Amino acid sequence: MGLLVFSGGVDWYVGLSGALHGYAIYLAAYSGGRAVFGLVTAVVAAKVGWESWQGASAALEAMVGGRVLVVTHLYGAVTGLTLALIVRMRARPPAPAKA
C-alpha cells in the first residue's frame, strides 16, 4: 500500500522484497527477545539505508532479472516494525490500578 500511496508511477512493480523486509523485522520481534529484535532491525535498517544511498546492486538486479525498487524495502521495514510494536504494546498486561 505504501508503494501505491507514496510512490506513484510504479504500477509495474511485482516483487515481494518489501514484504520480506517487513516480515523479517516482525518475526524477529517474537523469535528471540530484545537482542535478536534489535540486531535484525539494525541490520535491515543498515541495508535499507545503504540501498537508499547507493541504489540496488547490479548483482541483485541480475539475480532477479529486473529493476529493484529499493523504496519498497523501506516501506516494508517500516510496516513490519510498526506492526511488531503495535502487537507488542497490545500484548502487555495492563498496569495495576493505583489505590
PDB file of N, CA and C in Angstrom:
ATOM      1  N   MET A   1       0.818  -1.193   0.000  1.00  0.00           N
ATOM      2  CA  MET A   1       0.000   0.000   0.000  1.00  0.00           C
ATOM      3  C   MET A   1       0.863   1.259   0.000  1.00  0.00           C
ATOM      4  N   GLY A   2       1.946   1.241   0.772  1.00  0.00           N
ATOM      5  CA  GLY A   2       2.825   2.411   0.816  1.00  0.00           C
ATOM      6  C   GLY A   2       3.351   2.759  -0.552  1.00  0.00           C
ATOM      7  N   LEU A   3       3.632   1.748  -1.331  1.00  0.00           N
ATOM      8  CA  LEU A   3       4.150   1.961  -2.677  1.00  0.00           C
ATOM      9  C   LEU A   3       3.123   2.685  -3.540  1.00  0.00           C
ATOM     10  N   LEU A   4       1.890   2.257  -3.473  1.00  0.00           N
ATOM     11  CA  LEU A   4       0.844   2.884  -4.284  1.00  0.00           C
ATOM     12  C   LEU A   4       0.517   4.295  -3.805  1.00  0.00           C
ATOM     13  N   VAL A   5       0.570   4.505  -2.491  1.00  0.00           N
ATOM     14  CA  VAL A   5       0.213   5.808  -1.932  1.00  0.00           C
ATOM     15  C   VAL A   5       1.338   6.823  -2.091  1.00  0.00           C
ATOM     16  N   PHE A   6       2.577   6.414  -1.773  1.00  0.00           N
ATOM     17  CA  PHE A   6       3.684   7.363  -1.706  1.00  0.00           C
ATOM     18  C   PHE A   6       4.588   7.389  -2.936  1.00  0.00           C
ATOM     19  N   SER A   7       4.490   6.406  -3.806  1.00  0.00           N
ATOM     20  CA  SER A   7       5.387   6.343  -4.967  1.00  0.00           C
ATOM     21  C   SER A   7       4.581   6.074  -6.225  1.00  0.00           C
ATOM     22  N   GLY A   8       3.934   7.093  -6.723  1.00  0.00           N
ATOM     23  CA  GLY A   8       3.131   6.935  -7.921  1.00  0.00           C
ATOM     24  C   GLY A   8       3.968   6.576  -9.143  1.00  0.00           C
ATOM     25  N   GLY A   9       3.341   5.983 -10.111  1.00  0.00           N
ATOM     26  CA  GLY A   9       4.019   5.655 -11.358  1.00  0.00           C
ATOM     27  C   GLY A   9       4.818   4.372 -11.326  1.00  0.00           C
ATOM     28  N   VAL A  10       4.581   3.538 -10.338  1.00  0.00           N
ATOM     29  CA  VAL A  10       5.316   2.274 -10.271  1.00  0.00           C
ATOM     30  C   VAL A  10       4.349   1.093 -10.276  1.00  0.00           C
ATOM     31  N   ASP A  11       3.311   1.210 -11.067  1.00  0.00           N
ATOM     32  CA  ASP A  11       2.343   0.127 -11.138  1.00  0.00           C
ATOM     33  C   ASP A  11       2.908  -1.125 -11.796  1.00  0.00           C
ATOM     34  N   TRP A  12       4.124  -1.048 -12.324  1.00  0.00           N
ATOM     35  CA  TRP A  12       4.797  -2.187 -12.938  1.00  0.00           C
ATOM     36  C   TRP A  12       5.450  -3.086 -11.901  1.00  0.00           C
ATOM     37  N   TYR A  13       5.566  -2.634 -10.671  1.00  0.00           N
ATOM     38  CA  TYR A  13       6.304  -3.374  -9.647  1.00  0.00           C
ATOM     39  C   TYR A  13       5.558  -4.648  -9.262  1.00  0.00           C
ATOM     40  N   VAL A  14       6.267  -5.770  -9.218  1.00  0.00           N
ATOM     41  CA  VAL A  14       5.618  -7.047  -8.914  1.00  0.00           C
ATOM     42  C   VAL A  14       6.335  -7.862  -7.841  1.00  0.00           C
ATOM     43  N   GLY A  15       7.373  -7.338  -7.212  1.00  0.00           N
ATOM     44  CA  GLY A  15       8.171  -8.121  -6.264  1.00  0.00           C
ATOM     45  C   GLY A  15       7.571  -8.200  -4.872  1.00  0.00           C
ATOM     46  N   LEU A  16       8.186  -9.054  -4.071  1.00  0.00           N
ATOM     47  CA  LEU A  16       7.771  -9.224  -2.685  1.00  0.00           C
ATOM     48  C   LEU A  16       8.876  -8.865  -1.699  1.00  0.00           C
ATOM     49  N   SER A  17       9.934  -8.254  -2.171  1.00  0.00           N
ATOM     50  CA  SER A  17      11.082  -7.997  -1.304  1.00  0.00           C
ATOM     51  C   SER A  17      10.746  -7.044  -0.163  1.00  0.00           C
ATOM     52  N   GLY A  18       9.887  -6.081  -0.399  1.00  0.00           N
ATOM     53  CA  GLY A  18       9.486  -5.181   0.680  1.00  0.00           C
ATOM     54  C   GLY A  18       8.757  -5.930   1.779  1.00  0.00           C
ATOM     55  N   ALA A  19       7.870  -6.835   1.386  1.00  0.00           N
ATOM     56  CA  ALA A  19       7.157  -7.649   2.371  1.00  0.00           C
ATOM     57  C   ALA A  19       8.127  -8.532   3.146  1.00  0.00           C
ATOM     58  N   LEU A  20       9.149  -9.038   2.485  1.00  0.00           N
ATOM     59  CA  LEU A  20      10.142  -9.867   3.171  1.00  0.00           C
ATOM     60  C   LEU A  20      10.927  -9.067   4.203  1.00  0.00           C
ATOM     61  N   HIS A  21      11.256  -7.835   3.892  1.00  0.00           N
ATOM     62  CA  HIS A  21      11.954  -6.983   4.862  1.00  0.00           C
ATOM     63  C   HIS A  21      11.074  -6.753   6.095  1.00  0.00           C
ATOM     64  N   GLY A  22       9.808  -6.474   5.864  1.00  0.00           N
ATOM     65  CA  GLY A  22       8.883  -6.276   6.977  1.00  0.00           C
ATOM     66  C   GLY A  22       8.677  -7.540   7.786  1.00  0.00           C
ATOM     67  N   TYR A  23       8.567  -8.669   7.103  1.00  0.00           N
ATOM     68  CA  TYR A  23       8.363  -9.943   7.792  1.00  0.00           C
ATOM     69  C   TYR A  23       9.573 -10.302   8.636  1.00  0.00           C
ATOM     70  N   ALA A  24      10.769 -10.011   8.151  1.00  0.00           N
ATOM     71  CA  ALA A  24      11.989 -10.300   8.913  1.00  0.00           C
ATOM     72  C   ALA A  24      11.978  -9.546  10.239  1.00  0.00           C
ATOM     73  N   ILE A  25      11.612  -8.284  10.203  1.00  0.00           N
ATOM     74  CA  ILE A  25      11.573  -7.490  11.436  1.00  0.00           C
ATOM     75  C   ILE A  25      10.446  -7.963  12.345  1.00  0.00           C
ATOM     76  N   TYR A  26       9.282  -8.205  11.780  1.00  0.00           N
ATOM     77  CA  TYR A  26       8.144  -8.660  12.578  1.00  0.00           C
ATOM     78  C   TYR A  26       8.455  -9.996  13.246  1.00  0.00           C
ATOM     79  N   LEU A  27       9.027 -10.933  12.496  1.00  0.00           N
ATOM     80  CA  LEU A  27       9.367 -12.250  13.032  1.00  0.00           C
ATOM     81  C   LEU A  27      10.437 -12.149  14.113  1.00  0.00           C
ATOM     82  N   ALA A  28      11.407 -11.285  13.920  1.00  0.00           N
ATOM     83  CA  ALA A  28      12.479 -11.119  14.911  1.00  0.00           C
ATOM     84  C   ALA A  28      11.940 -10.601  16.238  1.00  0.00           C
ATOM     85  N   ALA A  29      10.857  -9.866  16.198  1.00  0.00           N
ATOM     86  CA  ALA A  29      10.279  -9.330  17.429  1.00  0.00           C
ATOM     87  C   ALA A  29       9.776 -10.439  18.342  1.00  0.00           C
ATOM     88  N   TYR A  30       9.494 -11.603  17.789  1.00  0.00           N
ATOM     89  CA  TYR A  30       8.904 -12.691  18.570  1.00  0.00           C
ATOM     90  C   TYR A  30       9.764 -13.936  18.633  1.00  0.00           C
ATOM     91  N   SER A  31      10.915 -13.942  17.995  1.00  0.00           N
ATOM     92  CA  SER A  31      11.701 -15.169  17.927  1.00  0.00           C
ATOM     93  C   SER A  31      12.774 -15.289  18.989  1.00  0.00           C
ATOM     94  N   GLY A  32      13.342 -14.197  19.445  1.00  0.00           N
ATOM     95  CA  GLY A  32      14.454 -14.349  20.362  1.00  0.00           C
ATOM     96  C   GLY A  32      14.654 -13.212  21.326  1.00  0.00           C
ATOM     97  N   GLY A  33      13.651 -12.487  21.622  1.00  0.00           N
ATOM     98  CA  GLY A  33      13.793 -11.422  22.600  1.00  0.00           C
ATOM     99  C   GLY A  33      14.332 -10.130  22.017  1.00  0.00           C
ATOM    100  N   ARG A  34      14.669  -9.235  22.918  1.00  0.00           N
ATOM    101  CA  ARG A  34      15.075  -7.886  22.518  1.00  0.00           C
ATOM    102  C   ARG A  34      16.377  -7.865  21.738  1.00  0.00           C
ATOM    103  N   ALA A  35      17.327  -8.729  22.115  1.00  0.00           N
ATOM    104  CA  ALA A  35      18.629  -8.719  21.439  1.00  0.00           C
ATOM    105  C   ALA A  35      18.486  -9.092  19.967  1.00  0.00           C
ATOM    106  N   VAL A  36      17.732 -10.152  19.686  1.00  0.00           N
ATOM    107  CA  VAL A  36      17.529 -10.574  18.293  1.00  0.00           C
ATOM    108  C   VAL A  36      16.748  -9.514  17.534  1.00  0.00           C
ATOM    109  N   PHE A  37      15.711  -8.996  18.146  1.00  0.00           N
ATOM    110  CA  PHE A  37      14.903  -7.948  17.518  1.00  0.00           C
ATOM    111  C   PHE A  37      15.761  -6.730  17.195  1.00  0.00           C
ATOM    112  N   GLY A  38      16.567  -6.307  18.153  1.00  0.00           N
ATOM    113  CA  GLY A  38      17.440  -5.152  17.935  1.00  0.00           C
ATOM    114  C   GLY A  38      18.464  -5.393  16.846  1.00  0.00           C
ATOM    115  N   LEU A  39      19.067  -6.589  16.841  1.00  0.00           N
ATOM    116  CA  LEU A  39      20.076  -6.911  15.834  1.00  0.00           C
ATOM    117  C   LEU A  39      19.473  -6.962  14.433  1.00  0.00           C
ATOM    118  N   VAL A  40      18.370  -7.674  14.287  1.00  0.00           N
ATOM    119  CA  VAL A  40      17.736  -7.783  12.965  1.00  0.00           C
ATOM    120  C   VAL A  40      17.259  -6.417  12.488  1.00  0.00           C
ATOM    121  N   THR A  41      16.673  -5.636  13.368  1.00  0.00           N
ATOM    122  CA  THR A  41      16.216  -4.300  12.992  1.00  0.00           C
ATOM    123  C   THR A  41      17.385  -3.427  12.562  1.00  0.00           C
ATOM    124  N   ALA A  42      18.503  -3.507  13.284  1.00  0.00           N
ATOM    125  CA  ALA A  42      19.688  -2.717  12.925  1.00  0.00           C
ATOM    126  C   ALA A  42      20.262  -3.150  11.581  1.00  0.00           C
ATOM    127  N   VAL A  43      20.324  -4.455  11.336  1.00  0.00           N
ATOM    128  CA  VAL A  43      20.862  -4.956  10.062  1.00  0.00           C
ATOM    129  C   VAL A  43      19.962  -4.538   8.903  1.00  0.00           C
ATOM    130  N   VAL A  44      18.654  -4.699   9.065  1.00  0.00           N
ATOM    131  CA  VAL A  44      17.726  -4.306   7.996  1.00  0.00           C
ATOM    132  C   VAL A  44      17.789  -2.795   7.774  1.00  0.00           C
ATOM    133  N   ALA A  45      17.867  -2.016   8.843  1.00  0.00           N
ATOM    134  CA  ALA A  45      17.966  -0.560   8.704  1.00  0.00           C
ATOM    135  C   ALA A  45      19.247  -0.166   7.976  1.00  0.00           C
ATOM    136  N   ALA A  46      20.356  -0.822   8.302  1.00  0.00           N
ATOM    137  CA  ALA A  46      21.623  -0.530   7.619  1.00  0.00           C
ATOM    138  C   ALA A  46      21.539  -0.893   6.139  1.00  0.00           C
ATOM    139  N   LYS A  47      20.938  -2.042   5.840  1.00  0.00           N
ATOM    140  CA  LYS A  47      20.793  -2.479   4.442  1.00  0.00           C
ATOM    141  C   LYS A  47      19.918  -1.501   3.661  1.00  0.00           C
ATOM    142  N   VAL A  48      18.789  -1.128   4.244  1.00  0.00           N
ATOM    143  CA  VAL A  48      17.877  -0.196   3.571  1.00  0.00           C
ATOM    144  C   VAL A  48      18.544   1.168   3.405  1.00  0.00           C
ATOM    145  N   GLY A  49      19.255   1.610   4.423  1.00  0.00           N
ATOM    146  CA  GLY A  49      19.972   2.881   4.319  1.00  0.00           C
ATOM    147  C   GLY A  49      21.020   2.858   3.223  1.00  0.00           C
ATOM    148  N   TRP A  50      21.785   1.776   3.164  1.00  0.00           N
ATOM    149  CA  TRP A  50      22.811   1.635   2.128  1.00  0.00           C
ATOM    150  C   TRP A  50      22.176   1.637   0.738  1.00  0.00           C
ATOM    151  N   GLU A  51      21.107   0.853   0.575  1.00  0.00           N
ATOM    152  CA  GLU A  51      20.435   0.788  -0.727  1.00  0.00           C
ATOM    153  C   GLU A  51      19.825   2.137  -1.108  1.00  0.00           C
ATOM    154  N   SER A  52      19.301   2.853  -0.140  1.00  0.00           N
ATOM    155  CA  SER A  52      18.716   4.167  -0.429  1.00  0.00           C
ATOM    156  C   SER A  52      19.783   5.147  -0.888  1.00  0.00           C
ATOM    157  N   TRP A  53      20.973   5.005  -0.349  1.00  0.00           N
ATOM    158  CA  TRP A  53      22.083   5.893  -0.693  1.00  0.00           C
ATOM    159  C   TRP A  53      22.753   5.473  -1.998  1.00  0.00           C
ATOM    160  N   GLN A  54      23.027   4.185  -2.156  1.00  0.00           N
ATOM    161  CA  GLN A  54      23.793   3.683  -3.299  1.00  0.00           C
ATOM    162  C   GLN A  54      22.939   3.086  -4.418  1.00  0.00           C
ATOM    163  N   GLY A  55      21.706   2.740  -4.116  1.00  0.00           N
ATOM    164  CA  GLY A  55      20.873   2.057  -5.093  1.00  0.00           C
ATOM    165  C   GLY A  55      21.086   0.558  -5.016  1.00  0.00           C
ATOM    166  N   ALA A  56      20.280  -0.168  -5.741  1.00  0.00           N
ATOM    167  CA  ALA A  56      20.387  -1.631  -5.748  1.00  0.00           C
ATOM    168  C   ALA A  56      21.654  -2.050  -6.481  1.00  0.00           C
ATOM    169  N   SER A  57      22.237  -3.143  -6.026  1.00  0.00           N
ATOM    170  CA  SER A  57      23.454  -3.627  -6.675  1.00  0.00           C
ATOM    171  C   SER A  57      23.111  -4.256  -8.024  1.00  0.00           C
ATOM    172  N   ALA A  58      24.057  -4.188  -8.931  1.00  0.00           N
ATOM    173  CA  ALA A  58      23.869  -4.793 -10.255  1.00  0.00           C
ATOM    174  C   ALA A  58      23.707  -6.298 -10.133  1.00  0.00           C
ATOM    175  N   ALA A  59      24.407  -6.898  -9.172  1.00  0.00           N
ATOM    176  CA  ALA A  59      24.305  -8.347  -8.972  1.00  0.00           C
ATOM    177  C   ALA A  59      22.893  -8.740  -8.551  1.00  0.00           C
ATOM    178  N   LEU A  60      22.287  -7.952  -7.675  1.00  0.00           N
ATOM    179  CA  LEU A  60      20.923  -8.241  -7.234  1.00  0.00           C
ATOM    180  C   LEU A  60      19.944  -8.097  -8.390  1.00  0.00           C
ATOM    181  N   GLU A  61      20.098  -7.052  -9.176  1.00  0.00           N
ATOM    182  CA  GLU A  61      19.198  -6.864 -10.317  1.00  0.00           C
ATOM    183  C   GLU A  61      19.368  -7.969 -11.348  1.00  0.00           C
ATOM    184  N   ALA A  62      20.597  -8.445 -11.529  1.00  0.00           N
ATOM    185  CA  ALA A  62      20.825  -9.561 -12.448  1.00  0.00           C
ATOM    186  C   ALA A  62      20.183 -10.835 -11.905  1.00  0.00           C
ATOM    187  N   MET A  63      20.265 -11.028 -10.592  1.00  0.00           N
ATOM    188  CA  MET A  63      19.706 -12.227  -9.979  1.00  0.00           C
ATOM    189  C   MET A  63      18.185 -12.277 -10.122  1.00  0.00           C
ATOM    190  N   VAL A  64      17.519 -11.136  -9.921  1.00  0.00           N
ATOM    191  CA  VAL A  64      16.060 -11.127 -10.004  1.00  0.00           C
ATOM    192  C   VAL A  64      15.560 -10.904 -11.427  1.00  0.00           C
ATOM    193  N   GLY A  65      16.440 -10.537 -12.310  1.00  0.00           N
ATOM    194  CA  GLY A  65      16.062 -10.372 -13.707  1.00  0.00           C
ATOM    195  C   GLY A  65      15.274  -9.112 -13.994  1.00  0.00           C
ATOM    196  N   GLY A  66      15.516  -8.059 -13.252  1.00  0.00           N
ATOM    197  CA  GLY A  66      14.811  -6.803 -13.482  1.00  0.00           C
ATOM    198  C   GLY A  66      15.286  -5.734 -12.532  1.00  0.00           C
ATOM    199  N   ARG A  67      14.621  -4.608 -12.592  1.00  0.00           N
ATOM    200  CA  ARG A  67      14.974  -3.499 -11.703  1.00  0.00           C
ATOM    201  C   ARG A  67      14.486  -3.774 -10.285  1.00  0.00           C
ATOM    202  N   VAL A  68      15.253  -3.303  -9.326  1.00  0.00           N
ATOM    203  CA  VAL A  68      14.878  -3.416  -7.918  1.00  0.00           C
ATOM    204  C   VAL A  68      14.443  -2.037  -7.443  1.00  0.00           C
ATOM    205  N   LEU A  69      13.271  -1.965  -6.893  1.00  0.00           N
ATOM    206  CA  LEU A  69      12.732  -0.710  -6.385  1.00  0.00           C
ATOM    207  C   LEU A  69      13.009  -0.667  -4.881  1.00  0.00           C
ATOM    208  N   VAL A  70      14.133  -0.046  -4.512  1.00  0.00           N
ATOM    209  CA  VAL A  70      14.608  -0.126  -3.130  1.00  0.00           C
ATOM    210  C   VAL A  70      13.687   0.567  -2.134  1.00  0.00           C
ATOM    211  N   VAL A  71      12.877   1.503  -2.569  1.00  0.00           N
ATOM    212  CA  VAL A  71      11.968   2.180  -1.641  1.00  0.00           C
ATOM    213  C   VAL A  71      10.967   1.188  -1.047  1.00  0.00           C
ATOM    214  N   THR A  72      10.673   0.099  -1.752  1.00  0.00           N
ATOM    215  CA  THR A  72       9.760  -0.902  -1.198  1.00  0.00           C
ATOM    216  C   THR A  72      10.368  -1.572   0.022  1.00  0.00           C
ATOM    217  N   HIS A  73      11.686  -1.684   0.066  1.00  0.00           N
ATOM    218  CA  HIS A  73      12.351  -2.268   1.233  1.00  0.00           C
ATOM    219  C   HIS A  73      12.132  -1.370   2.449  1.00  0.00           C
ATOM    220  N   LEU A  74      12.197  -0.066   2.231  1.00  0.00           N
ATOM    221  CA  LEU A  74      11.938   0.885   3.316  1.00  0.00           C
ATOM    222  C   LEU A  74      10.494   0.782   3.787  1.00  0.00           C
ATOM    223  N   TYR A  75       9.545   0.797   2.860  1.00  0.00           N
ATOM    224  CA  TYR A  75       8.136   0.706   3.229  1.00  0.00           C
ATOM    225  C   TYR A  75       7.856  -0.595   3.982  1.00  0.00           C
ATOM    226  N   GLY A  76       8.414  -1.687   3.505  1.00  0.00           N
ATOM    227  CA  GLY A  76       8.209  -2.976   4.170  1.00  0.00           C
ATOM    228  C   GLY A  76       8.797  -3.004   5.560  1.00  0.00           C
ATOM    229  N   ALA A  77      10.014  -2.491   5.707  1.00  0.00           N
ATOM    230  CA  ALA A  77      10.671  -2.488   7.014  1.00  0.00           C
ATOM    231  C   ALA A  77       9.905  -1.627   8.012  1.00  0.00           C
ATOM    232  N   VAL A  78       9.470  -0.464   7.581  1.00  0.00           N
ATOM    233  CA  VAL A  78       8.705   0.423   8.471  1.00  0.00           C
ATOM    234  C   VAL A  78       7.376  -0.225   8.855  1.00  0.00           C
ATOM    235  N   THR A  79       6.724  -0.869   7.913  1.00  0.00           N
ATOM    236  CA  THR A  79       5.459  -1.544   8.206  1.00  0.00           C
ATOM    237  C   THR A  79       5.663  -2.688   9.185  1.00  0.00           C
ATOM    238  N   GLY A  80       6.698  -3.508   8.962  1.00  0.00           N
ATOM    239  CA  GLY A  80       6.981  -4.614   9.875  1.00  0.00           C
ATOM    240  C   GLY A  80       7.296  -4.131  11.276  1.00  0.00           C
ATOM    241  N   LEU A  81       8.093  -3.079  11.378  1.00  0.00           N
ATOM    242  CA  LEU A  81       8.437  -2.512  12.682  1.00  0.00           C
ATOM    243  C   LEU A  81       7.199  -1.954  13.375  1.00  0.00           C
ATOM    244  N   THR A  82       6.371  -1.240  12.635  1.00  0.00           N
ATOM    245  CA  THR A  82       5.153  -0.665  13.202  1.00  0.00           C
ATOM    246  C   THR A  82       4.212  -1.752  13.713  1.00  0.00           C
ATOM    247  N   LEU A  83       3.992  -2.784  12.910  1.00  0.00           N
ATOM    248  CA  LEU A  83       3.108  -3.874  13.332  1.00  0.00           C
ATOM    249  C   LEU A  83       3.661  -4.605  14.544  1.00  0.00           C
ATOM    250  N   ALA A  84       4.970  -4.854  14.558  1.00  0.00           N
ATOM    251  CA  ALA A  84       5.584  -5.535  15.701  1.00  0.00           C
ATOM    252  C   ALA A  84       5.395  -4.723  16.977  1.00  0.00           C
ATOM    253  N   LEU A  85       5.595  -3.420  16.893  1.00  0.00           N
ATOM    254  CA  LEU A  85       5.443  -2.575  18.080  1.00  0.00           C
ATOM    255  C   LEU A  85       3.988  -2.492  18.538  1.00  0.00           C
ATOM    256  N   ILE A  86       3.059  -2.422  17.598  1.00  0.00           N
ATOM    257  CA  ILE A  86       1.637  -2.380  17.954  1.00  0.00           C
ATOM    258  C   ILE A  86       1.223  -3.671  18.642  1.00  0.00           C
ATOM    259  N   VAL A  87       1.594  -4.801  18.064  1.00  0.00           N
ATOM    260  CA  VAL A  87       1.226  -6.092  18.651  1.00  0.00           C
ATOM    261  C   VAL A  87       1.877  -6.255  20.019  1.00  0.00           C
ATOM    262  N   ARG A  88       3.120  -5.835  20.141  1.00  0.00           N
ATOM    263  CA  ARG A  88       3.829  -5.955  21.421  1.00  0.00           C
ATOM    264  C   ARG A  88       3.159  -5.082  22.490  1.00  0.00           C
ATOM    265  N   MET A  89       2.759  -3.879  22.123  1.00  0.00           N
ATOM    266  CA  MET A  89       2.105  -2.991  23.095  1.00  0.00           C
ATOM    267  C   MET A  89       0.743  -3.535  23.514  1.00  0.00           C
ATOM    268  N   ARG A  90       0.017  -4.115  22.578  1.00  0.00           N
ATOM    269  CA  ARG A  90      -1.310  -4.650  22.893  1.00  0.00           C
ATOM    270  C   ARG A  90      -1.223  -5.909  23.741  1.00  0.00           C
ATOM    271  N   ALA A  91      -0.085  -6.618  23.668  1.00  0.00           N
ATOM    272  CA  ALA A  91       0.078  -7.859  24.422  1.00  0.00           C
ATOM    273  C   ALA A  91       0.520  -7.615  25.860  1.00  0.00           C
ATOM    274  N   ARG A  92       0.918  -6.405  26.173  1.00  0.00           N
ATOM    275  CA  ARG A  92       1.346  -6.095  27.542  1.00  0.00           C
ATOM    276  C   ARG A  92       0.164  -6.203  28.497  1.00  0.00           C
ATOM    277  N   PRO A  93       0.432  -6.755  29.680  1.00  0.00           N
ATOM    278  CA  PRO A  93      -0.651  -6.767  30.668  1.00  0.00           C
ATOM    279  C   PRO A  93      -0.921  -5.345  31.146  1.00  0.00           C
ATOM    280  N   PRO A  94      -2.153  -5.060  31.485  1.00  0.00           N
ATOM    281  CA  PRO A  94      -2.465  -3.704  31.951  1.00  0.00           C
ATOM    282  C   PRO A  94      -1.747  -3.407  33.265  1.00  0.00           C
ATOM    283  N   ALA A  95      -1.421  -2.162  33.446  1.00  0.00           N
ATOM    284  CA  ALA A  95      -0.771  -1.739  34.686  1.00  0.00           C
ATOM    285  C   ALA A  95      -1.759  -1.880  35.838  1.00  0.00           C
ATOM    286  N   PRO A  96      -1.257  -2.269  37.010  1.00  0.00           N
ATOM    287  CA  PRO A  96      -2.173  -2.397  38.151  1.00  0.00           C
ATOM    288  C   PRO A  96      -2.771  -1.035  38.530  1.00  0.00           C
ATOM    289  N   ALA A  97      -4.000  -1.076  38.948  1.00  0.00           N
ATOM    290  CA  ALA A  97      -4.690   0.156  39.341  1.00  0.00           C
ATOM    291  C   ALA A  97      -4.093   0.687  40.633  1.00  0.00           C
ATOM    292  N   LYS A  98      -3.937   1.991  40.693  1.00  0.00           N
ATOM    293  CA  LYS A  98      -3.414   2.623  41.909  1.00  0.00           C
ATOM    294  C   LYS A  98      -4.559   2.843  42.884  1.00  0.00           C
ATOM    295  N   ALA A  99      -4.277   2.530  44.114  1.00  0.00           N
ATOM    296  CA  ALA A  99      -5.330   2.668  45.124  1.00  0.00           C
ATOM    297  C   ALA A  99      -5.289   4.007  45.800  1.00  0.00           C
TER     298      ALA A  99
END
